Amino acid sequence: MSTSLLVTALAGVTVVVLWQLLRDYVIPSPLDDIPGPPSSSLLAGHLDDLTERKAWMKVKGWFDAYGAVYRVLGLLGERMVVTSDPKALHHILIKDVENWPKNLAPSDDLHLLLGPGLLTTEGSRHRRQRKMLNPVFSAAHLRHMAHIFYDIAHRMRKAVEGRVGQTAEEVDVNGWMARTTLEMLGQAGLGYSFDNFAEDSTDAYGESIKMFFPLLNQIPVLAFVVMWISPLIPERLIRVLLRLYPFSADLHRMLDISDTMARRSEEIIGAKKSALAKGDDELAHRVGEGKDIMSILLKANTAAVEAERLSDEELVAQMSTFILAGMDTTSNALSRTLHALAQHPSVQERLRAEILEAREASNGTDISHDDLVKLPYLDAVCRETLRLYAPVALITRRAAKDMAVPLTWPVRGKSGVMMTEIPVTKGTFVVVDIQHSNINKELWGEDALEWRPERWLTELPSQLHDARIPGVYSNLLTFSGGTRSCIGFKFSQLEMKIVLSVLLTAFKFELTDKPITWNSSAVYYPTMGEESTKPEMLLKVSSL
């Protein structure tokens, strides 16, 4: 009898698995009428196209061919909708956000690797975490962080000065930006110093974070595997099984990076808790002066009622998430800005002149927080870089129920029928195309693909205002929108402006004769040429 039950159970599991694998091939969907590119792989669909280093070129080609809404295929024929349509974005990110979580399964690749932090949690748990973190990301609190950012920027400047002279030297600018943003996040975010800028190598934690997204991009199937099996198997066991899988060195390295981040996060939080227990005087003499985000968060967490309090697991996840999301995005945005300034010397000179004039008005000292954020051309350069080169180009959401997504621009189906809304069924993946919302000529004008900071010094196109892009920043979707928008976008902007204000008064940046390639990943990153896999960007740097 027991053998019979076992055979029946195994047969049932087999049927369920086969159905999961084959259902998208045999069941028709209303999404089948939406135009989209043909797939070159029956099993992988467009997954390779979306995750390869030149994915941005593929996505641009699809947008040019099919417009702001089109269909692609995921693993095993799963239908996915890609959209940059303003009404669709507002529906997904603002109006019906509760029905568009990042994932419906208990876990995915980021939850497995980072833990239950702000980037990976949903629903009430996400709201509770965000409520706890909101006060430390306010503009008022960031004003107190400016002197910490300036101190780090000046130490980085001195370190670079020691390596260059009046004649231009090739410098890995991306490496320095990564080290600088990691140190800023460390001190202002965690009250911890990662880097003294004395040696050429950075902290092992920083190296792990820098490789996180490029490496994760090499194993896209991990996200699907974790989603499929997490309803059946707890995360701890999933990690054990992944460790036992012998055929992917990238997977094992990814797990090593995750372990390194978790271990260092636990060490830093443990030290912070010990200092907190000794009182405010102890914190005031430490890095961050007790005003860092983690110190304030730990204080607030201790004072919170039990139902609102974050667990140790959540605190560790917040730290890993904060450092990872903040370092890679901001450092690569700074690298993009310096790359663009090297390509446009006249813009570099104009920006340098504005910063020098502001410093002179400050009696030759650092520009105050309030004056710095008001510099018009500096603000225009930052906005234009974040518009044209959003560090994160695509994000995903999944429908929690059957619904219809409204459209600004109707789509002609393959049947010839004009669709003013897209019917989606529960479980449908939607890819939000941040990049093409930011560079759509229908919204931004014919020069949308040009890097032109001057556009921000005049009135923006009326059609852009009318579209009501649901982003939190300057009609841009760069920092997403709604309750899941980037909580640290003001933090990132302040970092960028302070670093640029210090560097451009000390150095001139020029292109080398070596090509710089920008590669698609969860966060865009540069390499020297298409063959290299090392995140790196060399520019000629000379002292002024």
Protein backbone atom coordinates (compact mmCIF):
# COMPACT_ATOMS: atom_id res chain seq x y z
CA MET A 1 0.00 0.00 0.00
CA SER A 2 2.78 2.43 0.93
CA THR A 3 4.58 1.66 -2.36
CA SER A 4 1.39 2.37 -4.24
CA LEU A 5 0.98 5.73 -2.48
CA LEU A 6 4.58 6.64 -3.24
CA VAL A 7 4.16 5.80 -6.93
CA THR A 8 0.96 7.84 -7.02
CA ALA A 9 2.66 10.81 -5.34
CA LEU A 10 5.61 10.68 -7.73
CA ALA A 11 3.24 10.44 -10.68
CA GLY A 12 1.34 13.47 -9.38
CA VAL A 13 4.52 15.50 -8.96
CA THR A 14 5.62 14.50 -12.47
CA VAL A 15 2.31 15.63 -13.94
CA VAL A 16 2.51 18.97 -12.10
CA VAL A 17 6.08 19.58 -13.26
CA LEU A 18 5.28 18.65 -16.87
CA TRP A 19 2.24 20.91 -16.82
CA GLN A 20 4.34 23.80 -15.52
CA LEU A 21 6.85 23.20 -18.30
CA LEU A 22 4.37 22.81 -21.15
CA ARG A 23 1.34 24.95 -20.32
CA ASP A 24 2.56 28.13 -22.04
CA TYR A 25 3.09 26.17 -25.25
CA VAL A 26 -0.43 24.70 -25.37
CA ILE A 27 -2.75 27.31 -23.81
CA PRO A 28 -3.59 30.36 -25.95
CA SER A 29 -3.34 33.81 -24.34
CA PRO A 30 -4.84 37.24 -25.13
CA LEU A 31 -1.23 38.44 -25.21
CA ASP A 32 -0.68 36.39 -28.38
CA ASP A 33 -2.29 39.20 -30.41
CA ILE A 34 0.33 41.75 -29.27
CA PRO A 35 3.12 42.17 -31.85
CA GLY A 36 6.65 41.32 -30.84
CA PRO A 37 10.00 40.04 -32.10
CA PRO A 38 10.36 36.41 -33.19
CA SER A 39 12.21 34.17 -30.74
CA SER A 40 15.32 32.27 -31.76
CA SER A 41 14.99 29.71 -28.94
CA LEU A 42 12.04 27.45 -28.19
CA LEU A 43 13.17 26.90 -24.59
CA ALA A 44 14.86 30.19 -23.63
CA GLY A 45 12.62 32.55 -25.60
CA HIS A 46 14.15 36.05 -25.55
CA LEU A 47 15.94 35.49 -22.24
CA ASP A 48 19.40 35.52 -23.82
CA ASP A 49 18.53 38.68 -25.77
CA LEU A 50 17.48 40.45 -22.57
CA THR A 51 20.52 39.43 -20.54
CA GLU A 52 23.44 39.60 -22.95
CA ARG A 53 25.92 42.47 -22.73
CA LYS A 54 24.43 44.17 -25.79
CA ALA A 55 20.84 43.76 -24.63
CA TRP A 56 20.31 47.52 -24.78
CA MET A 57 20.79 47.35 -28.56
CA LYS A 58 18.21 44.57 -28.88
CA VAL A 59 15.70 46.44 -26.74
CA LYS A 60 16.24 49.64 -28.73
CA GLY A 61 15.62 47.73 -31.96
CA TRP A 62 12.42 46.25 -30.56
CA PHE A 63 11.21 49.65 -29.36
CA ASP A 64 11.90 51.19 -32.78
CA ALA A 65 10.05 48.33 -34.49
CA TYR A 66 7.07 47.80 -32.17
CA GLY A 67 6.69 50.94 -30.08
CA ALA A 68 5.90 51.39 -26.40
CA VAL A 69 4.16 48.00 -25.94
CA TYR A 70 5.23 44.63 -27.33
CA ARG A 71 5.41 40.97 -26.35
CA VAL A 72 8.49 38.84 -25.76
CA LEU A 73 8.91 35.28 -24.51
CA GLY A 74 10.59 34.14 -21.33
CA LEU A 75 11.86 30.75 -20.27
CA LEU A 76 9.76 27.83 -21.57
CA GLY A 77 7.53 30.07 -23.68
CA GLU A 78 6.25 32.31 -20.87
CA ARG A 79 4.69 35.43 -22.37
CA MET A 80 5.96 38.77 -21.10
CA VAL A 81 4.92 42.32 -21.98
CA VAL A 82 7.51 45.10 -22.34
CA THR A 83 6.12 48.61 -21.94
CA SER A 84 7.16 52.25 -21.66
CA ASP A 85 3.63 53.56 -22.26
CA PRO A 86 2.86 56.37 -19.72
CA LYS A 87 -0.67 55.22 -18.77
CA ALA A 88 0.52 51.64 -18.39
CA LEU A 89 3.40 52.79 -16.20
CA HIS A 90 1.06 54.86 -14.02
CA HIS A 91 -1.27 51.87 -13.63
CA ILE A 92 1.56 49.50 -12.68
CA LEU A 93 3.66 51.77 -10.47
CA ILE A 94 1.07 54.08 -8.89
CA LYS A 95 -2.64 53.37 -9.29
CA ASP A 96 -2.69 49.60 -8.82
CA VAL A 97 0.75 49.05 -7.30
CA GLU A 98 -0.48 46.53 -4.72
CA ASN A 99 -1.49 44.20 -7.55
CA TRP A 100 1.89 44.52 -9.27
CA PRO A 101 4.48 43.00 -6.92
CA LYS A 102 7.96 42.13 -8.09
CA ASN A 103 7.20 38.48 -7.59
CA LEU A 104 4.36 36.17 -6.58
CA ALA A 105 6.58 33.33 -5.36
CA PRO A 106 8.00 33.24 -1.79
CA SER A 107 11.49 33.96 -3.13
CA ASP A 108 13.51 34.92 -6.18
CA ASP A 109 17.20 35.30 -6.96
CA LEU A 110 17.62 38.68 -5.22
CA HIS A 111 15.71 37.58 -2.12
CA LEU A 112 17.84 34.45 -1.96
CA LEU A 113 21.11 36.38 -2.32
CA LEU A 114 20.32 39.53 -0.30
CA GLY A 115 17.65 38.53 2.18
CA PRO A 116 14.37 40.28 3.11
CA GLY A 117 15.36 43.91 2.52
CA LEU A 118 13.59 46.87 1.00
CA LEU A 119 14.44 45.73 -2.53
CA THR A 120 12.96 42.24 -2.15
CA THR A 121 10.01 42.40 0.25
CA GLU A 122 6.34 42.97 -0.64
CA GLY A 123 3.11 44.23 0.89
CA SER A 124 2.88 45.11 4.57
CA ARG A 125 6.44 43.99 5.27
CA HIS A 126 7.78 46.36 2.62
CA ARG A 127 5.63 49.23 3.95
CA ARG A 128 6.87 48.61 7.50
CA GLN A 129 10.50 48.69 6.37
CA ARG A 130 10.02 51.80 4.27
CA LYS A 131 8.26 53.61 7.13
CA MET A 132 11.25 52.89 9.36
CA LEU A 133 13.76 54.07 6.74
CA ASN A 134 12.02 57.16 5.31
CA PRO A 135 13.19 59.69 7.95
CA VAL A 136 16.90 58.99 7.41
CA PHE A 137 16.63 59.67 3.68
CA SER A 138 14.99 63.08 4.09
CA ALA A 139 16.59 66.22 2.63
CA ALA A 140 16.94 67.64 6.14
CA HIS A 141 18.98 64.67 7.30
CA LEU A 142 21.12 64.62 4.14
CA ARG A 143 22.12 68.22 4.80
CA HIS A 144 24.09 66.91 7.79
CA MET A 145 25.83 64.35 5.57
CA ALA A 146 27.35 66.88 3.14
CA HIS A 147 30.55 67.46 5.13
CA ILE A 148 31.15 63.69 5.31
CA PHE A 149 30.76 63.40 1.53
CA TYR A 150 33.11 66.34 0.96
CA ASP A 151 35.76 64.88 3.26
CA ILE A 152 35.71 61.58 1.36
CA ALA A 153 35.74 63.32 -2.04
CA HIS A 154 38.78 65.36 -1.05
CA ARG A 155 40.64 62.29 0.21
CA MET A 156 39.92 60.57 -3.09
CA ARG A 157 41.09 63.70 -4.97
CA LYS A 158 44.40 63.71 -3.09
CA ALA A 159 44.90 60.02 -3.82
CA VAL A 160 44.34 60.61 -7.54
CA GLU A 161 46.64 63.67 -7.50
CA GLY A 162 49.38 61.39 -6.23
CA ARG A 163 49.04 59.35 -9.41
CA VAL A 164 48.78 62.07 -12.07
CA GLY A 165 50.60 65.26 -12.96
CA GLN A 166 50.26 68.11 -15.43
CA THR A 167 50.64 65.61 -18.25
CA ALA A 168 47.62 63.39 -18.64
CA GLU A 169 47.75 59.90 -17.15
CA GLU A 170 45.36 57.05 -17.83
CA VAL A 171 43.25 56.42 -14.74
CA ASP A 172 40.55 53.83 -14.09
CA VAL A 173 37.90 56.39 -13.25
CA ASN A 174 35.24 53.74 -12.72
CA GLY A 175 37.37 52.06 -10.08
CA TRP A 176 37.80 55.34 -8.20
CA MET A 177 34.10 56.13 -8.43
CA ALA A 178 33.26 52.69 -7.00
CA ARG A 179 35.69 53.18 -4.12
CA THR A 180 34.38 56.68 -3.42
CA THR A 181 30.68 55.79 -3.42
CA LEU A 182 31.35 52.71 -1.29
CA GLU A 183 33.15 54.87 1.28
CA MET A 184 30.35 57.46 1.22
CA LEU A 185 27.75 54.76 1.70
CA GLY A 186 29.89 53.18 4.39
CA GLN A 187 30.38 56.33 6.45
CA ALA A 188 27.03 58.07 5.90
CA GLY A 189 25.02 54.88 5.72
CA LEU A 190 26.71 52.53 8.16
CA GLY A 191 29.12 54.59 10.21
CA TYR A 192 31.89 52.35 8.87
CA SER A 193 34.99 53.06 6.79
CA PHE A 194 35.87 50.66 3.97
CA ASP A 195 38.74 52.52 2.32
CA ASN A 196 41.60 54.81 3.36
CA PHE A 197 42.49 55.51 -0.31
CA ALA A 198 46.12 54.76 0.52
CA GLU A 199 46.42 51.40 -1.21
CA ASP A 200 45.49 50.53 -4.78
CA SER A 201 43.07 47.77 -3.79
CA THR A 202 39.67 48.34 -2.25
CA ASP A 203 37.82 46.44 0.45
CA ALA A 204 36.88 42.82 -0.37
CA TYR A 205 33.29 43.74 0.38
CA GLY A 206 33.49 46.46 -2.26
CA GLU A 207 34.93 44.06 -4.82
CA SER A 208 32.10 41.63 -4.12
CA ILE A 209 29.48 44.32 -4.62
CA LYS A 210 31.10 45.60 -7.81
CA MET A 211 30.91 42.12 -9.38
CA PHE A 212 27.41 41.30 -8.08
CA PHE A 213 25.26 42.44 -11.00
CA PRO A 214 27.64 41.61 -13.87
CA LEU A 215 27.96 38.07 -12.51
CA LEU A 216 24.23 37.70 -11.80
CA ASN A 217 23.59 38.64 -15.42
CA GLN A 218 25.56 35.54 -16.47
CA ILE A 219 23.08 33.22 -14.73
CA PRO A 220 19.61 34.58 -15.61
CA VAL A 221 18.01 31.17 -15.25
CA LEU A 222 18.63 31.38 -11.47
CA ALA A 223 15.71 33.79 -11.04
CA PHE A 224 13.28 31.39 -12.69
CA VAL A 225 14.58 28.31 -10.87
CA VAL A 226 14.25 29.96 -7.45
CA MET A 227 10.74 31.21 -8.26
CA TRP A 228 9.64 27.76 -9.38
CA ILE A 229 10.95 25.80 -6.42
CA SER A 230 10.61 28.32 -3.56
CA PRO A 231 6.90 27.43 -2.98
CA LEU A 232 8.09 23.87 -2.27
CA ILE A 233 11.52 24.22 -0.66
CA PRO A 234 12.80 26.72 1.97
CA GLU A 235 15.59 29.13 0.99
CA ARG A 236 18.19 27.46 3.20
CA LEU A 237 17.72 24.16 1.38
CA ILE A 238 17.71 25.90 -2.01
CA ARG A 239 21.14 27.35 -1.20
CA VAL A 240 22.41 23.91 -0.20
CA LEU A 241 21.14 22.39 -3.45
CA LEU A 242 22.66 25.20 -5.53
CA ARG A 243 26.00 24.64 -3.78
CA LEU A 244 25.84 20.98 -4.77
CA TYR A 245 25.22 21.81 -8.44
CA PRO A 246 28.61 21.08 -10.08
CA PHE A 247 28.26 22.65 -13.53
CA SER A 248 28.34 26.41 -12.96
CA ALA A 249 31.39 28.22 -11.59
CA ASP A 250 29.48 31.52 -11.94
CA LEU A 251 26.73 30.21 -9.67
CA HIS A 252 29.19 29.17 -6.98
CA ARG A 253 30.99 32.51 -7.19
CA MET A 254 27.63 34.30 -6.90
CA LEU A 255 26.87 32.37 -3.72
CA ASP A 256 30.35 33.23 -2.39
CA ILE A 257 29.66 36.93 -2.99
CA SER A 258 26.31 36.63 -1.22
CA ASP A 259 27.98 34.94 1.76
CA THR A 260 30.69 37.62 1.91
CA MET A 261 28.12 40.41 1.91
CA ALA A 262 26.02 38.77 4.62
CA ARG A 263 29.05 38.03 6.82
CA ARG A 264 30.41 41.57 6.59
CA SER A 265 26.95 43.05 7.17
CA GLU A 266 26.55 40.99 10.34
CA GLU A 267 30.00 42.07 11.59
CA ILE A 268 29.34 45.76 11.01
CA ILE A 269 25.87 45.69 12.53
CA GLY A 270 27.22 43.80 15.55
CA ALA A 271 29.87 46.47 16.13
CA LYS A 272 27.26 49.19 15.68
CA LYS A 273 24.96 47.60 18.24
CA SER A 274 27.82 47.42 20.75
CA ALA A 275 28.60 51.11 20.25
CA LEU A 276 24.93 51.99 20.56
CA ALA A 277 24.73 50.17 23.86
CA LYS A 278 27.53 52.41 25.20
CA GLY A 279 25.55 55.57 24.50
CA ASP A 280 25.59 58.63 22.24
CA ASP A 281 29.05 59.76 23.35
CA GLU A 282 30.57 56.57 21.99
CA LEU A 283 28.71 56.95 18.67
CA ALA A 284 29.71 60.61 18.31
CA HIS A 285 33.39 59.66 18.24
CA ARG A 286 32.93 56.97 15.61
CA VAL A 287 32.79 57.19 11.82
CA GLY A 288 29.51 58.82 10.85
CA GLU A 289 29.30 60.64 14.21
CA GLY A 290 26.23 58.64 15.18
CA LYS A 291 24.22 60.36 12.41
CA ASP A 292 24.71 57.57 9.90
CA ILE A 293 21.65 55.77 8.63
CA MET A 294 22.33 52.49 10.43
CA SER A 295 22.83 54.17 13.83
CA ILE A 296 19.58 56.07 13.48
CA LEU A 297 17.81 52.97 12.19
CA LEU A 298 19.03 50.86 15.12
CA LYS A 299 17.89 53.52 17.59
CA ALA A 300 14.48 53.77 15.96
CA ASN A 301 14.22 49.99 15.81
CA THR A 302 14.98 49.66 19.51
CA ALA A 303 12.33 52.26 20.36
CA ALA A 304 9.68 50.81 18.03
CA VAL A 305 6.83 48.66 19.24
CA GLU A 306 7.32 44.94 18.70
CA ALA A 307 5.02 44.78 15.66
CA GLU A 308 6.99 47.49 13.82
CA ARG A 309 10.48 46.31 14.75
CA LEU A 310 12.86 44.89 12.13
CA SER A 311 14.43 41.49 12.78
CA ASP A 312 18.19 40.96 12.70
CA GLU A 313 17.72 39.19 9.37
CA GLU A 314 15.96 42.26 7.99
CA LEU A 315 18.65 44.62 9.32
CA VAL A 316 21.38 42.60 7.61
CA ALA A 317 19.36 42.56 4.40
CA GLN A 318 18.82 46.35 4.59
CA MET A 319 22.55 46.91 4.82
CA SER A 320 23.43 44.61 1.94
CA THR A 321 20.63 46.08 -0.18
CA PHE A 322 21.54 49.68 0.64
CA ILE A 323 25.21 49.24 -0.21
CA LEU A 324 24.60 47.17 -3.34
CA ALA A 325 21.82 49.35 -4.77
CA GLY A 326 23.62 52.57 -3.87
CA MET A 327 27.19 51.79 -4.87
CA ASP A 328 26.79 50.30 -8.33
CA THR A 329 24.13 52.70 -9.56
CA THR A 330 25.77 55.91 -8.33
CA SER A 331 29.35 54.97 -9.18
CA ASN A 332 28.40 54.00 -12.72
CA ALA A 333 26.25 57.12 -13.09
CA LEU A 334 29.28 59.19 -12.08
CA SER A 335 31.43 57.27 -14.56
CA ARG A 336 28.85 57.94 -17.28
CA THR A 337 28.87 61.64 -16.44
CA LEU A 338 32.66 61.89 -16.60
CA HIS A 339 32.67 59.88 -19.84
CA ALA A 340 30.13 62.31 -21.34
CA LEU A 341 32.12 65.32 -20.10
CA ALA A 342 35.26 63.89 -21.70
CA GLN A 343 33.32 63.53 -24.96
CA HIS A 344 32.02 67.12 -24.69
CA PRO A 345 34.94 69.36 -23.58
CA SER A 346 32.92 72.58 -23.94
CA VAL A 347 30.30 71.27 -21.50
CA GLN A 348 33.08 70.26 -19.11
CA GLU A 349 34.55 73.76 -19.26
CA ARG A 350 31.19 75.46 -18.71
CA LEU A 351 30.41 73.22 -15.74
CA ARG A 352 33.86 73.79 -14.25
CA ALA A 353 33.39 77.56 -14.55
CA GLU A 354 30.04 77.40 -12.72
CA ILE A 355 31.55 75.37 -9.89
CA LEU A 356 34.59 77.64 -9.57
CA GLU A 357 32.37 80.71 -9.43
CA ALA A 358 30.29 79.12 -6.67
CA ARG A 359 33.42 78.20 -4.73
CA GLU A 360 34.68 81.77 -5.04
CA ALA A 361 31.37 83.01 -3.65
CA SER A 362 31.97 80.62 -0.73
CA ASN A 363 35.41 82.24 -0.08
CA GLY A 364 37.21 79.34 -1.73
CA THR A 365 35.70 76.69 0.52
CA ASP A 366 33.36 73.83 -0.29
CA ILE A 367 30.00 74.92 -1.63
CA SER A 368 27.28 74.58 0.99
CA HIS A 369 24.63 71.91 0.56
CA ASP A 370 21.86 74.42 -0.18
CA ASP A 371 23.94 76.33 -2.75
CA LEU A 372 25.30 73.19 -4.40
CA VAL A 373 21.90 71.64 -5.10
CA LYS A 374 20.79 74.91 -6.72
CA LEU A 375 23.64 75.17 -9.26
CA PRO A 376 21.67 75.11 -12.53
CA TYR A 377 24.21 73.70 -14.94
CA LEU A 378 25.48 71.06 -12.52
CA ASP A 379 21.88 70.01 -11.98
CA ALA A 380 21.28 69.96 -15.74
CA VAL A 381 24.34 67.76 -16.39
CA CYS A 382 23.26 65.28 -13.71
CA ARG A 383 19.67 65.17 -14.93
CA GLU A 384 20.67 64.72 -18.54
CA THR A 385 23.00 61.85 -17.71
CA LEU A 386 20.34 60.14 -15.60
CA ARG A 387 17.82 60.66 -18.42
CA LEU A 388 19.83 59.37 -21.36
CA TYR A 389 21.83 56.80 -19.41
CA ALA A 390 19.60 55.47 -16.65
CA PRO A 391 21.81 53.08 -14.62
CA VAL A 392 18.93 50.58 -14.41
CA ALA A 393 17.17 50.21 -17.77
CA LEU A 394 14.55 47.56 -17.03
CA ILE A 395 12.57 46.45 -13.98
CA THR A 396 9.94 43.73 -13.72
CA ARG A 397 6.54 43.39 -12.10
CA ARG A 398 4.10 40.48 -12.01
CA ALA A 399 0.30 40.66 -12.14
CA ALA A 400 -1.31 39.43 -8.92
CA LYS A 401 -4.72 39.09 -10.59
CA ASP A 402 -6.44 39.28 -13.98
CA MET A 403 -6.77 42.91 -15.09
CA ALA A 404 -6.60 45.32 -18.01
CA VAL A 405 -3.69 47.76 -18.39
CA PRO A 406 -4.71 51.07 -20.05
CA LEU A 407 -2.58 52.62 -22.81
CA THR A 408 -1.74 56.16 -23.89
CA TRP A 409 -1.03 55.04 -27.43
CA PRO A 410 -3.29 52.27 -28.84
CA VAL A 411 -1.59 49.16 -30.19
CA ARG A 412 -2.64 47.44 -33.41
CA GLY A 413 -2.83 43.73 -32.71
CA LYS A 414 -1.65 41.10 -35.15
CA SER A 415 -5.34 40.51 -35.87
CA GLY A 416 -5.69 44.13 -37.00
CA VAL A 417 -7.78 45.15 -33.97
CA MET A 418 -6.74 48.38 -32.20
CA MET A 419 -6.21 47.84 -28.48
CA THR A 420 -6.59 50.72 -26.00
CA GLU A 421 -5.76 48.42 -23.11
CA ILE A 422 -3.82 45.20 -22.64
CA PRO A 423 -5.57 42.27 -20.95
CA VAL A 424 -3.23 40.43 -18.60
CA THR A 425 -3.88 37.30 -16.59
CA LYS A 426 -2.64 36.56 -13.10
CA GLY A 427 1.06 35.78 -13.12
CA THR A 428 1.90 37.76 -16.25
CA PHE A 429 5.38 39.28 -16.23
CA VAL A 430 5.57 42.93 -17.30
CA VAL A 431 8.96 44.47 -18.06
CA VAL A 432 8.94 48.22 -17.35
CA ASP A 433 11.23 49.85 -19.91
CA ILE A 434 12.73 52.75 -17.98
CA GLN A 435 15.23 53.64 -20.69
CA HIS A 436 12.72 54.20 -23.48
CA SER A 437 10.37 56.17 -21.28
CA ASN A 438 13.32 58.52 -20.76
CA ILE A 439 14.29 58.82 -24.43
CA ASN A 440 10.99 58.52 -26.30
CA LYS A 441 10.94 61.14 -29.08
CA GLU A 442 7.14 61.37 -28.76
CA LEU A 443 7.75 62.85 -25.30
CA TRP A 444 11.19 64.44 -25.38
CA GLY A 445 11.41 65.69 -28.98
CA GLU A 446 13.57 64.80 -31.95
CA ASP A 447 16.82 65.36 -30.03
CA ALA A 448 15.84 62.81 -27.36
CA LEU A 449 18.86 60.61 -28.13
CA GLU A 450 21.35 63.48 -27.72
CA TRP A 451 23.18 64.21 -24.48
CA ARG A 452 22.28 67.90 -24.21
CA PRO A 453 22.23 69.35 -20.66
CA GLU A 454 20.89 72.66 -21.98
CA ARG A 455 17.44 71.10 -22.44
CA TRP A 456 16.96 71.39 -18.67
CA LEU A 457 17.59 75.16 -18.70
CA THR A 458 14.52 75.84 -20.87
CA GLU A 459 10.89 74.74 -20.84
CA LEU A 460 10.49 71.01 -21.40
CA PRO A 461 8.09 69.83 -24.17
CA SER A 462 4.39 70.24 -23.32
CA GLN A 463 3.66 66.67 -24.40
CA LEU A 464 6.06 65.44 -21.72
CA HIS A 465 4.15 67.27 -18.99
CA ASP A 466 0.84 66.05 -20.41
CA ALA A 467 2.00 62.42 -20.34
CA ARG A 468 2.40 62.53 -16.52
CA ILE A 469 5.33 60.12 -16.30
CA PRO A 470 4.98 58.47 -12.85
CA GLY A 471 8.62 58.96 -11.81
CA VAL A 472 9.73 60.67 -8.60
CA TYR A 473 12.34 62.82 -10.34
CA SER A 474 12.08 65.36 -13.20
CA ASN A 475 9.65 63.53 -15.53
CA LEU A 476 12.11 60.64 -15.49
CA LEU A 477 11.55 57.01 -14.63
CA THR A 478 15.22 56.59 -13.63
CA PHE A 479 14.38 56.18 -9.93
CA SER A 480 11.05 54.44 -10.65
CA GLY A 481 7.86 55.80 -9.09
CA GLY A 482 5.23 55.30 -6.46
CA THR A 483 5.67 53.49 -3.17
CA ARG A 484 8.48 51.34 -4.59
CA SER A 485 10.52 54.21 -5.99
CA CYS A 486 14.19 54.45 -5.02
CA ILE A 487 14.25 55.64 -1.42
CA GLY A 488 17.84 56.90 -1.78
CA PHE A 489 17.53 59.06 -4.90
CA LYS A 490 18.31 62.32 -3.04
CA PHE A 491 21.26 60.63 -1.34
CA SER A 492 22.58 59.58 -4.76
CA GLN A 493 22.12 63.04 -6.28
CA LEU A 494 24.03 64.67 -3.44
CA GLU A 495 26.88 62.17 -3.82
CA MET A 496 27.11 62.89 -7.55
CA LYS A 497 27.12 66.66 -7.18
CA ILE A 498 29.72 66.72 -4.42
CA VAL A 499 32.07 64.34 -6.24
CA LEU A 500 31.76 66.32 -9.50
CA SER A 501 32.27 69.65 -7.72
CA VAL A 502 35.53 68.38 -6.19
CA LEU A 503 36.90 66.55 -9.24
CA LEU A 504 36.21 69.19 -11.88
CA THR A 505 38.03 71.91 -9.96
CA ALA A 506 41.10 69.67 -9.67
CA PHE A 507 41.29 67.68 -12.91
CA LYS A 508 40.64 67.72 -16.62
CA PHE A 509 39.15 64.56 -18.14
CA GLU A 510 39.81 63.44 -21.71
CA LEU A 511 39.22 60.34 -23.79
CA THR A 512 42.00 57.84 -24.44
CA ASP A 513 42.49 56.11 -27.80
CA LYS A 514 40.93 52.95 -26.28
CA PRO A 515 37.21 52.24 -26.78
CA ILE A 516 34.85 52.34 -23.80
CA THR A 517 31.98 49.85 -23.98
CA TRP A 518 28.86 50.16 -21.84
CA ASN A 519 27.34 46.80 -21.06
CA SER A 520 23.80 45.80 -20.18
CA SER A 521 23.23 44.21 -16.81
CA ALA A 522 20.88 44.81 -13.91
CA VAL A 523 23.02 47.97 -13.66
CA TYR A 524 24.93 49.21 -16.73
CA TYR A 525 28.71 48.99 -16.33
CA PRO A 526 31.73 49.96 -18.46
CA THR A 527 34.56 47.85 -19.80
CA MET A 528 37.53 48.75 -21.96
CA GLY A 529 36.31 47.24 -25.20
CA GLU A 530 33.81 44.51 -25.98
CA GLU A 531 36.12 41.60 -25.17
CA SER A 532 36.89 42.61 -21.58
CA THR A 533 34.67 41.42 -18.75
CA LYS A 534 36.31 43.61 -16.09
CA PRO A 535 34.29 46.63 -14.92
CA GLU A 536 36.67 49.45 -15.80
CA MET A 537 36.77 52.85 -17.54
CA LEU A 538 40.05 54.52 -18.44
CA LEU A 539 40.17 58.27 -19.05
CA LYS A 540 43.14 60.61 -19.43
CA VAL A 541 43.29 62.68 -16.25
CA SER A 542 45.52 65.71 -15.74
CA SER A 543 45.80 68.15 -12.84
CA LEU A 544 44.67 71.73 -13.41
